[in-house]
Protein backbone atom coordinates (compact mmCIF):
# COMPACT_ATOMS: atom_id res chain seq x y z
CA MET A 1 190.73 30.88 81.19
CA ASN A 2 190.31 27.72 82.88
CA LYS A 3 188.70 24.52 81.71
CA LYS A 4 185.60 24.97 83.52
CA GLY A 5 185.08 28.54 81.82
CA GLN A 6 185.71 27.27 78.38
CA PHE A 7 183.25 24.24 79.07
CA GLU A 8 180.60 26.64 80.18
CA GLN A 9 181.01 28.69 77.02
CA ILE A 10 180.79 25.26 74.96
CA ILE A 11 177.67 24.37 76.68
CA GLY A 12 176.51 28.13 76.26
CA GLY A 13 177.18 27.83 72.35
CA ILE A 14 175.46 24.28 72.13
CA LEU A 15 172.24 25.70 74.00
CA VAL A 16 172.28 28.79 71.61
CA LEU A 17 172.29 26.38 68.69
CA ILE A 18 169.48 24.37 70.07
CA ILE A 19 167.41 27.61 70.51
CA VAL A 20 168.33 29.37 67.22
CA ILE A 21 167.91 26.56 64.62
CA PRO A 22 164.38 25.83 65.56
CA LEU A 23 163.38 29.52 65.52
CA MET A 24 165.04 30.10 62.22
CA SER A 25 163.02 27.07 60.71
CA VAL A 26 159.74 28.39 62.11
CA LEU A 27 160.73 31.80 60.86
CA ILE A 28 161.37 30.55 57.27
CA SER A 29 158.49 28.19 57.13
CA SER A 30 155.97 30.92 58.20
CA LEU A 31 157.68 33.53 55.77
CA TYR A 32 157.01 31.01 52.83
CA GLY A 33 153.50 30.24 53.98
CA LEU A 34 152.39 33.68 54.20
CA ASN A 35 153.85 34.81 50.97
CA CYS A 36 153.03 31.98 48.72
CA GLN A 37 149.48 31.39 49.52
CA ASP A 38 148.26 34.05 47.42
CA TYR A 39 150.08 32.66 44.60
CA ILE A 40 148.95 29.22 45.36
CA ASN A 41 145.56 30.47 45.10
CA GLN A 42 146.03 32.21 41.98
CA VAL A 43 147.47 29.29 40.25
CA LYS A 44 144.59 27.22 41.40
CA ASP A 45 142.25 29.75 39.98
CA ARG A 46 144.10 29.80 36.56
CA ASP A 47 144.09 26.12 36.46
CA ASN A 48 140.35 26.36 36.94
CA GLN A 49 140.44 28.81 34.17
CA ILE A 50 142.17 26.76 31.74
CA VAL A 51 139.93 23.73 32.35
CA ASN A 52 136.89 25.95 31.73
CA LEU A 53 138.52 27.40 28.67
CA LYS A 54 139.53 23.99 27.29
CA ASN A 55 135.89 22.92 27.78
CA GLU A 56 134.85 25.81 25.95
CA ILE A 57 137.18 25.03 23.10
CA ASN A 58 135.74 21.43 22.87
CA LEU A 59 132.37 22.48 22.84
CA LEU A 60 133.24 25.14 20.08
CA ASN A 61 135.03 22.48 17.95
CA SER A 62 132.22 20.09 18.29
CA THR A 63 129.89 22.89 17.27
CA ALA A 64 132.34 23.50 14.29
CA THR A 65 132.35 19.58 13.44
CA PHE A 66 128.69 19.68 13.36
CA TYR A 67 128.57 22.47 11.10
CA LYS A 68 131.04 21.04 8.84
CA ILE A 69 128.98 18.03 8.58
CA GLN A 70 125.82 19.88 7.94
CA TYR A 71 127.93 21.93 5.30
CA GLU A 72 128.70 18.64 3.53
CA ASN A 73 125.15 17.43 3.78
CA LEU A 74 124.02 20.62 2.11
CA THR A 75 126.81 20.59 -0.72
CA ASN A 76 125.39 16.97 -1.52
CA THR A 77 121.55 18.46 -1.87
CA ASN A 78 120.24 21.70 -3.49
CA ILE A 79 120.95 24.67 -1.29
CA THR A 80 120.08 28.12 -1.61
CA LYS A 81 122.35 31.16 -1.48
CA LYS A 82 120.76 32.26 1.95
CA ASP A 83 121.55 28.92 3.53
CA PHE A 84 125.18 29.07 2.05
CA THR A 85 125.59 32.73 3.54
CA ASP A 86 124.09 31.71 7.03
CA LEU A 87 126.48 28.91 7.17
CA LYS A 88 129.33 30.78 6.46
CA GLN A 89 128.59 33.53 8.80
CA GLU A 90 128.18 31.06 11.65
CA ILE A 91 131.44 29.47 10.70
CA ASN A 92 133.19 32.79 10.82
CA GLN A 93 131.66 33.66 14.22
CA LEU A 94 133.02 30.07 15.62
CA ASN A 95 136.46 30.83 14.37
CA VAL A 96 136.19 34.30 16.10
CA GLN A 97 135.30 32.45 19.10
CA ILE A 98 137.97 29.94 19.21
CA ASN A 99 140.51 32.60 18.42
CA ASN A 100 139.22 34.49 21.64
CA VAL A 101 139.41 31.41 23.67
CA GLN A 102 143.03 30.66 22.44
CA ASN A 103 143.98 34.06 23.44
CA GLN A 104 142.61 33.78 26.86
CA ILE A 105 144.64 30.52 27.35
CA ASN A 106 147.77 32.04 26.23
CA GLN A 107 147.21 34.97 28.84
CA VAL A 108 146.59 32.63 31.50
CA ASN A 109 149.69 30.49 30.52
CA GLU A 110 151.73 33.82 30.60
CA ASN A 111 150.21 34.51 34.10
CA ILE A 112 151.32 31.18 35.27
CA ILE A 113 154.89 31.56 34.16
CA THR A 114 155.14 34.88 35.90
CA ILE A 115 153.76 33.46 38.97
CA GLN A 116 156.37 30.60 38.91
CA ASN A 117 159.13 33.02 38.19
CA ILE A 118 158.07 34.98 41.34
CA LYS A 119 158.11 31.73 43.34
CA THR A 120 161.73 30.95 42.07
CA VAL A 121 162.99 34.40 43.11
CA TYR A 122 161.19 34.04 46.52
CA ARG A 123 162.75 30.40 47.01
CA ASN A 124 166.26 31.89 46.17
CA PHE A 125 165.75 34.79 48.54
CA VAL A 126 164.79 32.43 51.47
CA PHE A 127 167.73 30.12 50.78
CA SER A 128 170.08 33.26 50.56
CA LEU A 129 168.50 34.34 53.79
CA THR A 130 169.07 31.00 55.59
CA ILE A 131 172.78 31.08 54.41
CA ASN A 132 173.44 34.44 55.79
CA ILE A 133 171.48 33.58 58.99
CA ILE A 134 173.77 30.39 59.45
CA PHE A 135 176.99 32.32 58.45
CA ILE A 136 176.04 34.98 61.22
CA ALA A 137 175.37 32.23 63.73
CA PHE A 138 178.79 30.57 62.90
CA LEU A 139 180.64 33.92 63.35
CA LEU A 140 178.77 34.56 66.47
CA ILE A 141 179.69 31.06 68.10
CA ASP A 142 183.26 31.60 66.86
CA PHE A 143 183.46 34.69 68.48
CA ALA A 144 181.68 33.62 71.75
CA ILE A 145 183.75 30.33 72.37
CA PHE A 146 186.85 30.59 70.32
CA ASN A 147 187.50 34.38 69.90
CA PHE A 148 187.54 34.11 66.13
CA GLU A 149 190.28 31.34 65.93
CA ILE A 150 188.32 29.09 63.52
CA SER A 151 187.68 32.05 61.28
CA LYS A 152 191.35 33.18 61.29
CA LYS A 153 192.64 29.84 60.73
CA THR A 154 190.08 29.23 57.85
CA ILE A 155 191.12 32.71 56.18
CA GLU A 156 194.69 31.72 56.43
CA LEU A 157 194.22 28.39 54.90
CA LEU A 158 192.12 29.92 52.05
CA VAL A 159 194.96 32.47 51.42
CA LYS A 160 197.60 29.76 51.18
CA LYS A 161 195.45 27.68 48.90
CA ILE A 162 194.93 30.95 46.72
CA HIS A 163 198.68 31.56 46.56
CA GLN A 164 199.31 28.01 45.60
CA LEU A 165 196.90 28.19 42.79
CA LYS A 166 198.32 31.41 41.55
CA ASN A 167 201.89 29.93 41.57
CA TRP A 168 200.64 26.78 39.90
CA ILE A 169 198.84 28.79 36.96
CA LYS A 170 202.05 31.00 36.59
CA SER A 171 204.16 27.70 36.33
CA LYS A 172 201.84 26.33 33.48
CA PHE A 173 201.90 29.51 31.54
CA LYS A 174 205.84 29.84 31.87
CA LYS A 175 206.23 26.15 30.67
CA LYS A 176 203.97 26.71 27.49
CA GLU A 177 205.92 30.04 26.38
């Protein structure tokens, strides 16, 4: 092949890279945007639920504080058995409500952790897909321009380094015995 033909192949490979890389970035960003928006909305909804539940806990805690103060006032004065029973019943109801709200917050936190795990798996998938696309593009360019010469030389170098490492390890174990 003459120099003009090699030059044309190199220019063709560069043009392929100029076109393929922006297309890959657009593809990856659109995949990320489409698949994560639902999860982002769910996280926002869960955050709002957490805020509402925390407000409800604060309200219930302030009500419990009010009843504790009322109880202390009643203990300092004469109270009837009915007053004590009513107060005890209200405190028990508040404790049940507080436990229910705590359980709801725990469920929301578990859902958020699940969503974050899904996001992590998705990011790993996108990263792996990007690496694979880059590797395929490298192989195509290597084939189109260099007829797999770069790949052959890389594999030969790796095999040589592996043999050197194997011999080095053998020599280390032989010296110790």
